[in-house]
Structure formats: structure tokens, C-alpha cells
């Protein structure tokens, strides 16, 4: 079997171009990610996913998406219902803890139904960031709550729901994005909070869910740990905090390298991400010249990184046989899905 390289890539449109097919065939990304620009109707999505896998000769190549609910949801009606954001589930939990935890699980399970019918096998969820007053609203209602224990509880329930439906969950943004005062799509934020407070508040949900199979990094500088590099490219954050203190030994992928928080050309970004200890470089926007830069420094998956990737893939496809209509009815008893 041809080795896969340590990257997840997007594509430019609704179908793969001949150039994209040739590029994927030559460079062998481990997985792919879909955005709204790639989504039109059911057969088109299924055909696009199949053509991605065919290009790399890997019928089980993972295909990722950001399907959270609220404002971050790539599949919309009629392809999937509009779902409430995490904060709405957190508000239900505040009123009725049992109902809130069950609703979080149900939402993960319903996402799995929605994704699997199109061949999508990984969801960048749960969001385990814990927002603070004054932070950028890039997280905002995407967070379940403002307390680490509730975020961890509801995040675990959502991840369990996804896995029950045979979909790989990816917790984000490790070790914590909730304190960032800038939107990392546009600039690089620095957090000056003391390390003990970070451990108590920001890092706690990730540490408690360190058994999950995959995580996505935060493009955030934590000055108490590394003044020079954001978590994504910091060997101190990855080695000492994520792998060390948190004990996370799952697949670690970067957040999107095309976000403005990371500086430098795409080859140097990819090199820095892998040198810091991440397993996978994520590039989302489908711009070919950028993808070529990422590919030029990505390496074949091997050793511990390959083991983590294989363990993550092993989570995919093991469905619990649940009754979709019954679960949708139960969920809608908590929240009417917005038409």
C-alpha cells in the first residue's frame, strides 16, 4: 500500500479538477476536508467524496467537515437540519442537567447520521474551548458553557454520540482557544494568563477528555509557556502540555494553515507544524499553490504518527444501529430544529 503523507487537504469546488486529481495522486494526502463551497446536493457530495478517495487509492481515506450546529455548519437544509449551537445545549443543561447531557449526545449522533449518508467520516467537534469575558467572539456560542466541567461533560457526550454513529470526533482547539482576544482567521492572539489559571480553566476539558482519538490545535500564543510560537508550532506546548501534562496520545492535527494567524510561506508553516510534534498539517481553502507548499514539506506518516492515524481510523464505521427517526423525535422534544 502506498504511504499517505501527513496532511489533510481541501479542494476548490464541487468536483475535482484534473489538476487536483493528479496532485492528490502524486502527493497522497491522508485525508480531505469539505467546506460550503464543495457542497451542493446529495449525489454531488457523494461523488466528490468518492473521487477524493479514488485519487489517493484509499477507499477508507477520512473526509472531515466542520458540522457543529449554529453558525458553523457546512451541511444545511435540505441536506441536513439546522441545529442549535453548543451554547443552547449548555443553556438546557443549566436548566436540566440530564436533558442537556442527553441532547449533547443526541446532537452528535444525529450529525453522524447526516454525515455518513454522504460518505463523510470525521467531524471537527466537540469544541472544548472555555470562553472568558472580553475574548473574541470567534468561539462565542460555539462553546457549551463558561465553566470547564460543563464543557468537558457536554463535549464528551457529543463525542460519544459521533462515535456511536461511526464518525471520528476531533476535539478543538487544544490546549484552549477561549481566552484569545483576536480571531485567528485574521491575526495571531497572545494569551498572557498565568500557567496555573490556564491549567485550571482553559486546559482542563482537554485533559479530562485526553482519551479521545483526535484533536486540532489552537493558533494561539501562550506566553507562560512559549512566547515565540503559537501552540500549533510550539514544541513546548505540544510536548510539555498536550502530550505531557494532558496525556493526549491521539492524532494531533493543526488548525487550518491558511488562517492569517500563522506567518511565513506554506512550506515553512508545514515544516514548523510537523517539527513541533503535530501529526497532520491541515490546509482547507483548496488553493493549489498553497497546497503544493504544504505538500513539499509534508512527510509520509510513520512511527507514532502512523499508529495514531490508524487508531483514529479504527473509530470510523462502527455504528450502534440506532433508530434515526426515534432519535430525531427525541432531540426535537428538546429543540425544534430550525427549518
C-alpha atoms as a PDB file:
ATOM      1  CA  UNK A   1       0.000   0.000   0.000  1.00  0.00           C
ATOM      2  CA  UNK A   2       1.301   3.454  -0.930  1.00  0.00           C
ATOM      3  CA  UNK A   3       2.160   5.561   2.099  1.00  0.00           C
ATOM      4  CA  UNK A   4      -0.060   8.506   2.926  1.00  0.00           C
ATOM      5  CA  UNK A   5       1.507  11.851   3.715  1.00  0.00           C
ATOM      6  CA  UNK A   6       0.948  13.862   6.862  1.00  0.00           C
ATOM      7  CA  UNK A   7      -1.666  16.284   5.533  1.00  0.00           C
ATOM      8  CA  UNK A   8      -5.395  16.847   5.135  1.00  0.00           C
ATOM      9  CA  UNK A   9      -6.348  18.973   2.133  1.00  0.00           C
ATOM     10  CA  UNK A  10      -9.390  20.735   0.741  1.00  0.00           C
ATOM     11  CA  UNK A  11     -10.422  21.251  -2.873  1.00  0.00           C
ATOM     12  CA  UNK A  12     -11.576  24.238  -4.869  1.00  0.00           C
ATOM     13  CA  UNK A  13     -15.126  23.433  -5.907  1.00  0.00           C
ATOM     14  CA  UNK A  14     -17.963  20.961  -6.402  1.00  0.00           C
ATOM     15  CA  UNK A  15     -15.918  18.481  -8.454  1.00  0.00           C
ATOM     16  CA  UNK A  16     -12.221  17.733  -8.573  1.00  0.00           C
ATOM     17  CA  UNK A  17     -10.309  19.364 -11.398  1.00  0.00           C
ATOM     18  CA  UNK A  18      -7.875  17.279 -13.460  1.00  0.00           C
ATOM     19  CA  UNK A  19      -5.029  19.188 -11.796  1.00  0.00           C
ATOM     20  CA  UNK A  20      -6.371  18.329  -8.322  1.00  0.00           C
ATOM     21  CA  UNK A  21      -6.727  14.654  -9.203  1.00  0.00           C
ATOM     22  CA  UNK A  22      -3.167  14.485 -10.498  1.00  0.00           C
ATOM     23  CA  UNK A  23      -1.855  16.388  -7.479  1.00  0.00           C
ATOM     24  CA  UNK A  24      -3.614  14.163  -4.928  1.00  0.00           C
ATOM     25  CA  UNK A  25      -2.482  11.051  -6.804  1.00  0.00           C
ATOM     26  CA  UNK A  26       1.126  12.219  -6.669  1.00  0.00           C
ATOM     27  CA  UNK A  27       1.175  13.686  -3.144  1.00  0.00           C
ATOM     28  CA  UNK A  28      -1.158  11.226  -1.325  1.00  0.00           C
ATOM     29  CA  UNK A  29      -2.812  13.288   1.425  1.00  0.00           C
ATOM     30  CA  UNK A  30      -4.005  11.170   4.346  1.00  0.00           C
ATOM     31  CA  UNK A  31      -7.423  12.807   4.331  1.00  0.00           C
ATOM     32  CA  UNK A  32      -9.625  15.578   2.959  1.00  0.00           C
ATOM     33  CA  UNK A  33     -11.897  18.307   4.298  1.00  0.00           C
ATOM     34  CA  UNK A  34     -15.099  19.790   2.858  1.00  0.00           C
ATOM     35  CA  UNK A  35     -16.434  23.341   3.095  1.00  0.00           C
ATOM     36  CA  UNK A  36     -19.607  25.043   1.913  1.00  0.00           C
ATOM     37  CA  UNK A  37     -18.039  25.733  -1.497  1.00  0.00           C
ATOM     38  CA  UNK A  38     -17.824  21.962  -2.015  1.00  0.00           C
ATOM     39  CA  UNK A  39     -21.448  21.217  -1.199  1.00  0.00           C
ATOM     40  CA  UNK A  40     -24.494  21.439  -3.474  1.00  0.00           C
ATOM     41  CA  UNK A  41     -26.707  18.334  -3.491  1.00  0.00           C
ATOM     42  CA  UNK A  42     -26.582  14.726  -2.253  1.00  0.00           C
ATOM     43  CA  UNK A  43     -25.217  12.880  -5.274  1.00  0.00           C
ATOM     44  CA  UNK A  44     -22.662  15.625  -5.941  1.00  0.00           C
ATOM     45  CA  UNK A  45     -21.305  15.324  -2.379  1.00  0.00           C
ATOM     46  CA  UNK A  46     -21.116  11.544  -2.571  1.00  0.00           C
ATOM     47  CA  UNK A  47     -19.408  11.716  -5.972  1.00  0.00           C
ATOM     48  CA  UNK A  48     -16.888  14.302  -4.742  1.00  0.00           C
ATOM     49  CA  UNK A  49     -16.031  12.234  -1.665  1.00  0.00           C
ATOM     50  CA  UNK A  50     -15.640   9.101  -3.793  1.00  0.00           C
ATOM     51  CA  UNK A  51     -13.409  10.905  -6.286  1.00  0.00           C
ATOM     52  CA  UNK A  52     -11.169  12.157  -3.459  1.00  0.00           C
ATOM     53  CA  UNK A  53     -10.694   8.630  -2.173  1.00  0.00           C
ATOM     54  CA  UNK A  54     -10.184   7.276  -5.661  1.00  0.00           C
ATOM     55  CA  UNK A  55      -7.474   9.858  -6.348  1.00  0.00           C
ATOM     56  CA  UNK A  56      -5.358   8.572  -3.468  1.00  0.00           C
ATOM     57  CA  UNK A  57      -6.311   4.922  -3.912  1.00  0.00           C
ATOM     58  CA  UNK A  58      -7.596   4.715  -0.349  1.00  0.00           C
ATOM     59  CA  UNK A  59     -11.285   3.744  -0.055  1.00  0.00           C
ATOM     60  CA  UNK A  60     -11.190   4.491   3.678  1.00  0.00           C
ATOM     61  CA  UNK A  61      -9.405   7.868   3.473  1.00  0.00           C
ATOM     62  CA  UNK A  62     -11.087  10.058   6.107  1.00  0.00           C
ATOM     63  CA  UNK A  63     -13.162  13.014   4.946  1.00  0.00           C
ATOM     64  CA  UNK A  64     -13.610  15.778   7.524  1.00  0.00           C
ATOM     65  CA  UNK A  65     -16.095  18.608   7.917  1.00  0.00           C
ATOM     66  CA  UNK A  66     -16.953  21.308  10.464  1.00  0.00           C
ATOM     67  CA  UNK A  67     -20.504  20.365  11.417  1.00  0.00           C
ATOM     68  CA  UNK A  68     -21.122  21.833  14.859  1.00  0.00           C
ATOM     69  CA  UNK A  69     -24.561  23.455  14.755  1.00  0.00           C
ATOM     70  CA  UNK A  70     -25.278  27.155  14.989  1.00  0.00           C
ATOM     71  CA  UNK A  71     -23.187  29.352  12.727  1.00  0.00           C
ATOM     72  CA  UNK A  72     -20.541  26.691  11.994  1.00  0.00           C
ATOM     73  CA  UNK A  73     -22.406  24.092   9.989  1.00  0.00           C
ATOM     74  CA  UNK A  74     -21.419  23.241   6.414  1.00  0.00           C
ATOM     75  CA  UNK A  75     -24.395  20.991   5.627  1.00  0.00           C
ATOM     76  CA  UNK A  76     -27.627  22.999   5.666  1.00  0.00           C
ATOM     77  CA  UNK A  77     -31.249  22.208   4.746  1.00  0.00           C
ATOM     78  CA  UNK A  78     -32.281  20.253   2.794  1.00  0.00           C
ATOM     79  CA  UNK A  79     -29.038  18.271   3.176  1.00  0.00           C
ATOM     80  CA  UNK A  80     -29.230  18.326   6.996  1.00  0.00           C
ATOM     81  CA  UNK A  81     -31.339  20.209   9.536  1.00  0.00           C
ATOM     82  CA  UNK A  82     -30.146  23.461  11.045  1.00  0.00           C
ATOM     83  CA  UNK A  83     -29.108  22.615  14.598  1.00  0.00           C
ATOM     84  CA  UNK A  84     -28.707  24.823  17.671  1.00  0.00           C
ATOM     85  CA  UNK A  85     -25.245  25.973  18.730  1.00  0.00           C
ATOM     86  CA  UNK A  86     -23.421  24.431  21.662  1.00  0.00           C
ATOM     87  CA  UNK A  87     -24.383  27.337  23.931  1.00  0.00           C
ATOM     88  CA  UNK A  88     -28.064  26.447  23.512  1.00  0.00           C
ATOM     89  CA  UNK A  89     -27.342  22.906  24.672  1.00  0.00           C
ATOM     90  CA  UNK A  90     -25.391  24.375  27.571  1.00  0.00           C
ATOM     91  CA  UNK A  91     -28.382  26.535  28.500  1.00  0.00           C
ATOM     92  CA  UNK A  92     -30.591  23.439  28.515  1.00  0.00           C
ATOM     93  CA  UNK A  93     -28.057  21.726  30.759  1.00  0.00           C
ATOM     94  CA  UNK A  94     -28.204  24.656  33.172  1.00  0.00           C
ATOM     95  CA  UNK A  95     -31.972  24.151  33.478  1.00  0.00           C
ATOM     96  CA  UNK A  96     -31.990  20.348  33.389  1.00  0.00           C
ATOM     97  CA  UNK A  97     -28.613  18.567  33.557  1.00  0.00           C
ATOM     98  CA  UNK A  98     -29.936  15.196  32.415  1.00  0.00           C
ATOM     99  CA  UNK A  99     -31.716  16.734  29.412  1.00  0.00           C
ATOM    100  CA  UNK A 100     -28.673  18.814  28.458  1.00  0.00           C
ATOM    101  CA  UNK A 101     -26.280  15.889  28.545  1.00  0.00           C
ATOM    102  CA  UNK A 102     -28.695  13.706  26.578  1.00  0.00           C
ATOM    103  CA  UNK A 103     -29.243  16.457  23.997  1.00  0.00           C
ATOM    104  CA  UNK A 104     -25.477  16.815  23.516  1.00  0.00           C
ATOM    105  CA  UNK A 105     -25.198  13.080  22.844  1.00  0.00           C
ATOM    106  CA  UNK A 106     -28.190  13.144  20.524  1.00  0.00           C
ATOM    107  CA  UNK A 107     -26.753  16.006  18.504  1.00  0.00           C
ATOM    108  CA  UNK A 108     -23.504  14.109  17.982  1.00  0.00           C
ATOM    109  CA  UNK A 109     -25.453  11.013  16.968  1.00  0.00           C
ATOM    110  CA  UNK A 110     -27.656  12.971  14.554  1.00  0.00           C
ATOM    111  CA  UNK A 111     -24.616  14.611  12.984  1.00  0.00           C
ATOM    112  CA  UNK A 112     -23.279  11.102  12.379  1.00  0.00           C
ATOM    113  CA  UNK A 113     -26.454  10.111  10.542  1.00  0.00           C
ATOM    114  CA  UNK A 114     -26.249  13.284   8.447  1.00  0.00           C
ATOM    115  CA  UNK A 115     -22.569  12.882   7.574  1.00  0.00           C
ATOM    116  CA  UNK A 116     -22.380   9.167   6.914  1.00  0.00           C
ATOM    117  CA  UNK A 117     -25.078   9.270   4.245  1.00  0.00           C
ATOM    118  CA  UNK A 118     -22.737  11.433   2.157  1.00  0.00           C
ATOM    119  CA  UNK A 119     -19.601   9.431   2.905  1.00  0.00           C
ATOM    120  CA  UNK A 120     -18.186  11.976   5.367  1.00  0.00           C
ATOM    121  CA  UNK A 121     -16.491  10.177   8.242  1.00  0.00           C
ATOM    122  CA  UNK A 122     -14.951  12.786  10.596  1.00  0.00           C
ATOM    123  CA  UNK A 123     -16.409  15.839  12.324  1.00  0.00           C
ATOM    124  CA  UNK A 124     -14.318  18.655  13.835  1.00  0.00           C
ATOM    125  CA  UNK A 125     -16.337  18.545  17.049  1.00  0.00           C
ATOM    126  CA  UNK A 126     -16.536  18.881  20.058  1.00  0.00           C
ATOM    127  CA  UNK A 127     -15.435  22.446  20.719  1.00  0.00           C
ATOM    128  CA  UNK A 128     -13.858  22.291  24.191  1.00  0.00           C
ATOM    129  CA  UNK A 129     -12.833  25.934  24.415  1.00  0.00           C
ATOM    130  CA  UNK A 130     -13.974  27.780  27.541  1.00  0.00           C
ATOM    131  CA  UNK A 131     -14.639  31.448  26.755  1.00  0.00           C
ATOM    132  CA  UNK A 132     -13.901  34.302  29.130  1.00  0.00           C
ATOM    133  CA  UNK A 133     -15.267  37.852  29.256  1.00  0.00           C
ATOM    134  CA  UNK A 134     -13.539  40.119  26.767  1.00  0.00           C
ATOM    135  CA  UNK A 135     -12.406  37.327  24.435  1.00  0.00           C
ATOM    136  CA  UNK A 136     -13.007  37.362  20.694  1.00  0.00           C
ATOM    137  CA  UNK A 137     -16.433  36.077  19.694  1.00  0.00           C
ATOM    138  CA  UNK A 138     -14.836  33.635  17.227  1.00  0.00           C
ATOM    139  CA  UNK A 139     -15.759  30.967  19.801  1.00  0.00           C
ATOM    140  CA  UNK A 140     -18.760  32.604  21.464  1.00  0.00           C
ATOM    141  CA  UNK A 141     -21.877  30.439  21.188  1.00  0.00           C
ATOM    142  CA  UNK A 142     -19.764  27.583  19.798  1.00  0.00           C
ATOM    143  CA  UNK A 143     -18.795  26.871  23.427  1.00  0.00           C
ATOM    144  CA  UNK A 144     -21.083  24.768  25.604  1.00  0.00           C
ATOM    145  CA  UNK A 145     -20.547  26.851  28.713  1.00  0.00           C
ATOM    146  CA  UNK A 146     -18.145  29.142  30.562  1.00  0.00           C
ATOM    147  CA  UNK A 147     -17.123  26.547  33.128  1.00  0.00           C
ATOM    148  CA  UNK A 148     -14.608  23.804  32.322  1.00  0.00           C
ATOM    149  CA  UNK A 149     -16.518  20.954  33.956  1.00  0.00           C
ATOM    150  CA  UNK A 150     -19.700  21.572  31.956  1.00  0.00           C
ATOM    151  CA  UNK A 151     -17.724  21.995  28.721  1.00  0.00           C
ATOM    152  CA  UNK A 152     -15.981  18.669  29.354  1.00  0.00           C
ATOM    153  CA  UNK A 153     -19.211  16.852  30.225  1.00  0.00           C
ATOM    154  CA  UNK A 154     -21.169  18.066  27.193  1.00  0.00           C
ATOM    155  CA  UNK A 155     -18.155  17.745  24.896  1.00  0.00           C
ATOM    156  CA  UNK A 156     -17.745  14.125  25.937  1.00  0.00           C
ATOM    157  CA  UNK A 157     -21.436  13.458  25.300  1.00  0.00           C
ATOM    158  CA  UNK A 158     -21.221  14.933  21.785  1.00  0.00           C
ATOM    159  CA  UNK A 159     -18.057  12.961  21.005  1.00  0.00           C
ATOM    160  CA  UNK A 160     -19.683   9.776  22.274  1.00  0.00           C
ATOM    161  CA  UNK A 161     -22.695  10.431  20.044  1.00  0.00           C
ATOM    162  CA  UNK A 162     -20.487  10.843  16.997  1.00  0.00           C
ATOM    163  CA  UNK A 163     -18.563   7.664  17.757  1.00  0.00           C
ATOM    164  CA  UNK A 164     -21.805   5.741  18.326  1.00  0.00           C
ATOM    165  CA  UNK A 165     -22.642   6.652  14.731  1.00  0.00           C
ATOM    166  CA  UNK A 166     -19.272   5.611  13.355  1.00  0.00           C
ATOM    167  CA  UNK A 167     -17.874   9.140  12.909  1.00  0.00           C
ATOM    168  CA  UNK A 168     -14.474  10.274  14.182  1.00  0.00           C
ATOM    169  CA  UNK A 169     -14.681  13.251  16.582  1.00  0.00           C
ATOM    170  CA  UNK A 170     -11.919  15.885  16.587  1.00  0.00           C
ATOM    171  CA  UNK A 171     -11.804  17.969  19.762  1.00  0.00           C
ATOM    172  CA  UNK A 172     -10.709  21.565  19.289  1.00  0.00           C
ATOM    173  CA  UNK A 173      -8.840  23.845  19.788  1.00  0.00           C
ATOM    174  CA  UNK A 174      -6.269  22.196  22.039  1.00  0.00           C
ATOM    175  CA  UNK A 175      -4.974  23.402  24.527  1.00  0.00           C
ATOM    176  CA  UNK A 176      -7.707  26.093  24.538  1.00  0.00           C
ATOM    177  CA  UNK A 177      -8.930  28.989  22.387  1.00  0.00           C
ATOM    178  CA  UNK A 178     -11.491  30.538  24.719  1.00  0.00           C
ATOM    179  CA  UNK A 179      -9.237  33.285  26.071  1.00  0.00           C
ATOM    180  CA  UNK A 180      -7.979  34.572  22.710  1.00  0.00           C
ATOM    181  CA  UNK A 181      -8.793  38.245  22.164  1.00  0.00           C
ATOM    182  CA  UNK A 182      -8.381  38.050  18.375  1.00  0.00           C
ATOM    183  CA  UNK A 183      -9.888  35.917  15.630  1.00  0.00           C
ATOM    184  CA  UNK A 184      -7.133  33.583  14.429  1.00  0.00           C
ATOM    185  CA  UNK A 185      -8.590  33.604  10.921  1.00  0.00           C
ATOM    186  CA  UNK A 186      -7.143  37.119  10.683  1.00  0.00           C
ATOM    187  CA  UNK A 187      -4.413  37.596  13.311  1.00  0.00           C
ATOM    188  CA  UNK A 188      -2.348  35.803  15.933  1.00  0.00           C
ATOM    189  CA  UNK A 189      -3.513  36.345  19.541  1.00  0.00           C
ATOM    190  CA  UNK A 190      -1.261  36.151  22.596  1.00  0.00           C
ATOM    191  CA  UNK A 191      -2.633  34.972  25.948  1.00  0.00           C
ATOM    192  CA  UNK A 192      -0.732  36.284  28.988  1.00  0.00           C
ATOM    193  CA  UNK A 193      -2.632  34.305  31.636  1.00  0.00           C
ATOM    194  CA  UNK A 194      -0.508  32.531  34.282  1.00  0.00           C
ATOM    195  CA  UNK A 195       0.024  28.829  33.747  1.00  0.00           C
ATOM    196  CA  UNK A 196      -1.863  27.734  36.863  1.00  0.00           C
ATOM    197  CA  UNK A 197      -5.001  29.546  35.712  1.00  0.00           C
ATOM    198  CA  UNK A 198      -4.651  28.067  32.228  1.00  0.00           C
ATOM    199  CA  UNK A 199      -4.437  24.596  33.739  1.00  0.00           C
ATOM    200  CA  UNK A 200      -7.496  25.168  35.924  1.00  0.00           C
ATOM    201  CA  UNK A 201      -9.694  26.779  33.292  1.00  0.00           C
ATOM    202  CA  UNK A 202      -8.569  26.528  29.663  1.00  0.00           C
ATOM    203  CA  UNK A 203      -6.686  23.227  29.632  1.00  0.00           C
ATOM    204  CA  UNK A 204      -8.992  21.268  31.937  1.00  0.00           C
ATOM    205  CA  UNK A 205     -11.595  19.993  29.405  1.00  0.00           C
ATOM    206  CA  UNK A 206      -8.877  18.736  27.058  1.00  0.00           C
ATOM    207  CA  UNK A 207      -7.056  16.969  29.851  1.00  0.00           C
ATOM    208  CA  UNK A 208     -10.234  15.289  31.053  1.00  0.00           C
ATOM    209  CA  UNK A 209     -11.005  14.094  27.500  1.00  0.00           C
ATOM    210  CA  UNK A 210      -7.433  13.190  26.578  1.00  0.00           C
ATOM    211  CA  UNK A 211      -8.645   9.669  25.731  1.00  0.00           C
ATOM    212  CA  UNK A 212     -10.446  10.939  22.616  1.00  0.00           C
ATOM    213  CA  UNK A 213      -8.891   9.812  19.333  1.00  0.00           C
ATOM    214  CA  UNK A 214      -8.111  13.146  17.663  1.00  0.00           C
ATOM    215  CA  UNK A 215      -7.587  16.832  18.379  1.00  0.00           C
ATOM    216  CA  UNK A 216      -6.994  20.091  16.483  1.00  0.00           C
ATOM    217  CA  UNK A 217      -4.559  22.707  17.747  1.00  0.00           C
ATOM    218  CA  UNK A 218      -5.080  26.382  18.564  1.00  0.00           C
ATOM    219  CA  UNK A 219      -3.212  29.099  16.657  1.00  0.00           C
ATOM    220  CA  UNK A 220      -2.695  30.951  19.955  1.00  0.00           C
ATOM    221  CA  UNK A 221       0.491  32.015  21.750  1.00  0.00           C
ATOM    222  CA  UNK A 222       0.510  31.110  25.451  1.00  0.00           C
ATOM    223  CA  UNK A 223       3.117  33.479  26.838  1.00  0.00           C
ATOM    224  CA  UNK A 224       3.509  31.497  30.066  1.00  0.00           C
ATOM    225  CA  UNK A 225       4.762  28.523  28.024  1.00  0.00           C
ATOM    226  CA  UNK A 226       6.251  29.810  24.771  1.00  0.00           C
ATOM    227  CA  UNK A 227       6.457  33.499  23.857  1.00  0.00           C
ATOM    228  CA  UNK A 228       7.770  32.802  20.380  1.00  0.00           C
ATOM    229  CA  UNK A 229       5.321  30.395  18.775  1.00  0.00           C
ATOM    230  CA  UNK A 230       1.602  29.597  18.805  1.00  0.00           C
ATOM    231  CA  UNK A 231       0.559  26.212  20.161  1.00  0.00           C
ATOM    232  CA  UNK A 232       0.358  24.799  16.624  1.00  0.00           C
ATOM    233  CA  UNK A 233       4.085  25.307  16.014  1.00  0.00           C
ATOM    234  CA  UNK A 234       5.365  25.165  19.609  1.00  0.00           C
ATOM    235  CA  UNK A 235       7.294  22.059  20.625  1.00  0.00           C
ATOM    236  CA  UNK A 236       6.919  23.224  24.236  1.00  0.00           C
ATOM    237  CA  UNK A 237       3.133  23.372  24.064  1.00  0.00           C
ATOM    238  CA  UNK A 238       2.803  20.141  22.083  1.00  0.00           C
ATOM    239  CA  UNK A 239       5.415  18.178  24.017  1.00  0.00           C
ATOM    240  CA  UNK A 240       5.132  19.533  27.543  1.00  0.00           C
ATOM    241  CA  UNK A 241       1.426  20.395  27.737  1.00  0.00           C
ATOM    242  CA  UNK A 242      -0.593  18.433  25.148  1.00  0.00           C
ATOM    243  CA  UNK A 243       1.415  15.210  25.124  1.00  0.00           C
ATOM    244  CA  UNK A 244       2.884  15.642  28.613  1.00  0.00           C
ATOM    245  CA  UNK A 245       0.557  17.201  31.195  1.00  0.00           C
ATOM    246  CA  UNK A 246      -2.658  16.408  29.355  1.00  0.00           C
ATOM    247  CA  UNK A 247      -1.525  12.917  28.384  1.00  0.00           C
ATOM    248  CA  UNK A 248      -3.113  13.164  24.950  1.00  0.00           C
ATOM    249  CA  UNK A 249      -1.785  10.393  22.712  1.00  0.00           C
ATOM    250  CA  UNK A 250      -4.331  10.660  19.922  1.00  0.00           C
ATOM    251  CA  UNK A 251      -3.915  12.071  16.428  1.00  0.00           C
ATOM    252  CA  UNK A 252      -2.908  15.738  16.605  1.00  0.00           C
ATOM    253  CA  UNK A 253      -3.736  17.893  13.605  1.00  0.00           C
ATOM    254  CA  UNK A 254      -3.111  21.576  13.118  1.00  0.00           C
ATOM    255  CA  UNK A 255      -5.848  24.104  12.654  1.00  0.00           C
ATOM    256  CA  UNK A 256      -6.003  25.452   9.112  1.00  0.00           C
ATOM    257  CA  UNK A 257      -2.613  26.627   7.822  1.00  0.00           C
ATOM    258  CA  UNK A 258      -4.284  29.170   5.542  1.00  0.00           C
ATOM    259  CA  UNK A 259      -5.510  31.185   8.536  1.00  0.00           C
ATOM    260  CA  UNK A 260      -3.694  34.510   8.943  1.00  0.00           C
ATOM    261  CA  UNK A 261      -2.545  33.699  12.485  1.00  0.00           C
ATOM    262  CA  UNK A 262       0.354  31.693  11.081  1.00  0.00           C
ATOM    263  CA  UNK A 263       3.098  33.611   9.306  1.00  0.00           C
ATOM    264  CA  UNK A 264       5.515  32.517   6.606  1.00  0.00           C
ATOM    265  CA  UNK A 265       5.103  30.625   3.363  1.00  0.00           C
ATOM    266  CA  UNK A 266       3.189  27.355   3.293  1.00  0.00           C
ATOM    267  CA  UNK A 267       6.246  25.149   3.077  1.00  0.00           C
ATOM    268  CA  UNK A 268       7.729  26.713   6.212  1.00  0.00           C
ATOM    269  CA  UNK A 269       4.379  26.551   8.026  1.00  0.00           C
ATOM    270  CA  UNK A 270       4.047  22.835   7.314  1.00  0.00           C
ATOM    271  CA  UNK A 271       7.632  22.194   8.360  1.00  0.00           C
ATOM    272  CA  UNK A 272       7.149  24.092  11.637  1.00  0.00           C
ATOM    273  CA  UNK A 273       3.893  22.264  12.430  1.00  0.00           C
ATOM    274  CA  UNK A 274       5.451  18.845  11.997  1.00  0.00           C
ATOM    275  CA  UNK A 275       8.660  19.835  13.786  1.00  0.00           C
ATOM    276  CA  UNK A 276       6.596  20.920  16.804  1.00  0.00           C
ATOM    277  CA  UNK A 277       5.166  17.416  17.122  1.00  0.00           C
ATOM    278  CA  UNK A 278       1.832  17.616  15.315  1.00  0.00           C
ATOM    279  CA  UNK A 279       0.992  14.521  13.286  1.00  0.00           C
ATOM    280  CA  UNK A 280      -1.001  16.147  10.485  1.00  0.00           C
ATOM    281  CA  UNK A 281      -0.956  19.507   8.659  1.00  0.00           C
ATOM    282  CA  UNK A 282      -4.432  20.804   7.769  1.00  0.00           C
ATOM    283  CA  UNK A 283      -4.940  23.043   4.741  1.00  0.00           C
ATOM    284  CA  UNK A 284      -8.507  23.965   3.894  1.00  0.00           C
ATOM    285  CA  UNK A 285      -9.023  26.532   1.145  1.00  0.00           C
ATOM    286  CA  UNK A 286      -8.153  24.405  -1.886  1.00  0.00           C
ATOM    287  CA  UNK A 287      -5.701  26.917  -3.378  1.00  0.00           C
ATOM    288  CA  UNK A 288      -3.322  24.798  -5.426  1.00  0.00           C
ATOM    289  CA  UNK A 289      -0.137  26.838  -4.977  1.00  0.00           C
ATOM    290  CA  UNK A 290      -0.624  26.802  -1.206  1.00  0.00           C
ATOM    291  CA  UNK A 291      -1.288  23.063  -1.190  1.00  0.00           C
ATOM    292  CA  UNK A 292       1.889  22.494  -3.177  1.00  0.00           C
ATOM    293  CA  UNK A 293       3.824  24.347  -0.491  1.00  0.00           C
ATOM    294  CA  UNK A 294       2.288  22.212   2.255  1.00  0.00           C
ATOM    295  CA  UNK A 295       2.967  19.033   0.304  1.00  0.00           C
ATOM    296  CA  UNK A 296       6.603  19.974  -0.260  1.00  0.00           C
ATOM    297  CA  UNK A 297       7.344  19.636   3.471  1.00  0.00           C
ATOM    298  CA  UNK A 298       4.810  17.013   4.498  1.00  0.00           C
ATOM    299  CA  UNK A 299       6.269  13.605   5.202  1.00  0.00           C
ATOM    300  CA  UNK A 300       4.945  10.056   4.943  1.00  0.00           C
ATOM    301  CA  UNK A 301       3.051   9.002   8.039  1.00  0.00           C
ATOM    302  CA  UNK A 302       5.277   6.651  10.033  1.00  0.00           C
ATOM    303  CA  UNK A 303       6.059   5.553  13.566  1.00  0.00           C
ATOM    304  CA  UNK A 304       3.911   7.019  16.349  1.00  0.00           C
ATOM    305  CA  UNK A 305       2.079   9.355  13.966  1.00  0.00           C
ATOM    306  CA  UNK A 306       1.036   6.446  11.757  1.00  0.00           C
ATOM    307  CA  UNK A 307      -0.079   4.477  14.811  1.00  0.00           C
ATOM    308  CA  UNK A 308      -2.233   7.377  15.971  1.00  0.00           C
ATOM    309  CA  UNK A 309      -3.715   7.798  12.496  1.00  0.00           C
ATOM    310  CA  UNK A 310      -4.570   4.104  12.315  1.00  0.00           C
ATOM    311  CA  UNK A 311      -6.176   4.191  15.763  1.00  0.00           C
ATOM    312  CA  UNK A 312      -8.269   7.176  14.683  1.00  0.00           C
ATOM    313  CA  UNK A 313      -9.391   5.380  11.508  1.00  0.00           C
ATOM    314  CA  UNK A 314     -10.362   2.358  13.578  1.00  0.00           C
ATOM    315  CA  UNK A 315     -13.040   4.504  15.268  1.00  0.00           C
ATOM    316  CA  UNK A 316     -14.826   5.058  11.958  1.00  0.00           C
ATOM    317  CA  UNK A 317     -17.716   2.938  10.776  1.00  0.00           C
ATOM    318  CA  UNK A 318     -18.710   1.168  13.990  1.00  0.00           C
ATOM    319  CA  UNK A 319     -22.379   2.134  14.183  1.00  0.00           C
ATOM    320  CA  UNK A 320     -24.740   1.289  17.029  1.00  0.00           C
ATOM    321  CA  UNK A 321     -27.796   0.528  14.867  1.00  0.00           C
ATOM    322  CA  UNK A 322     -29.894   3.277  16.477  1.00  0.00           C
ATOM    323  CA  UNK A 323     -33.296   4.311  15.127  1.00  0.00           C
ATOM    324  CA  UNK A 324     -32.743   7.652  13.393  1.00  0.00           C
ATOM    325  CA  UNK A 325     -36.368   8.770  13.382  1.00  0.00           C
ATOM    326  CA  UNK A 326     -36.776   7.978  17.067  1.00  0.00           C
ATOM    327  CA  UNK A 327     -33.642   9.916  17.988  1.00  0.00           C
ATOM    328  CA  UNK A 328     -34.688  12.897  15.871  1.00  0.00           C
ATOM    329  CA  UNK A 329     -38.026  12.943  17.602  1.00  0.00           C
ATOM    330  CA  UNK A 330     -36.363  12.801  20.996  1.00  0.00           C
ATOM    331  CA  UNK A 331     -33.988  15.632  20.094  1.00  0.00           C
ATOM    332  CA  UNK A 332     -36.777  17.804  18.730  1.00  0.00           C
ATOM    333  CA  UNK A 333     -38.592  17.409  22.027  1.00  0.00           C
ATOM    334  CA  UNK A 334     -35.683  19.432  23.471  1.00  0.00           C
ATOM    335  CA  UNK A 335     -35.065  21.723  20.495  1.00  0.00           C
ATOM    336  CA  UNK A 336     -37.156  22.309  17.419  1.00  0.00           C
ATOM    337  CA  UNK A 337     -34.642  22.066  14.570  1.00  0.00           C
ATOM    338  CA  UNK A 338     -34.784  25.396  12.729  1.00  0.00           C
ATOM    339  CA  UNK A 339     -36.190  24.890   9.250  1.00  0.00           C
END
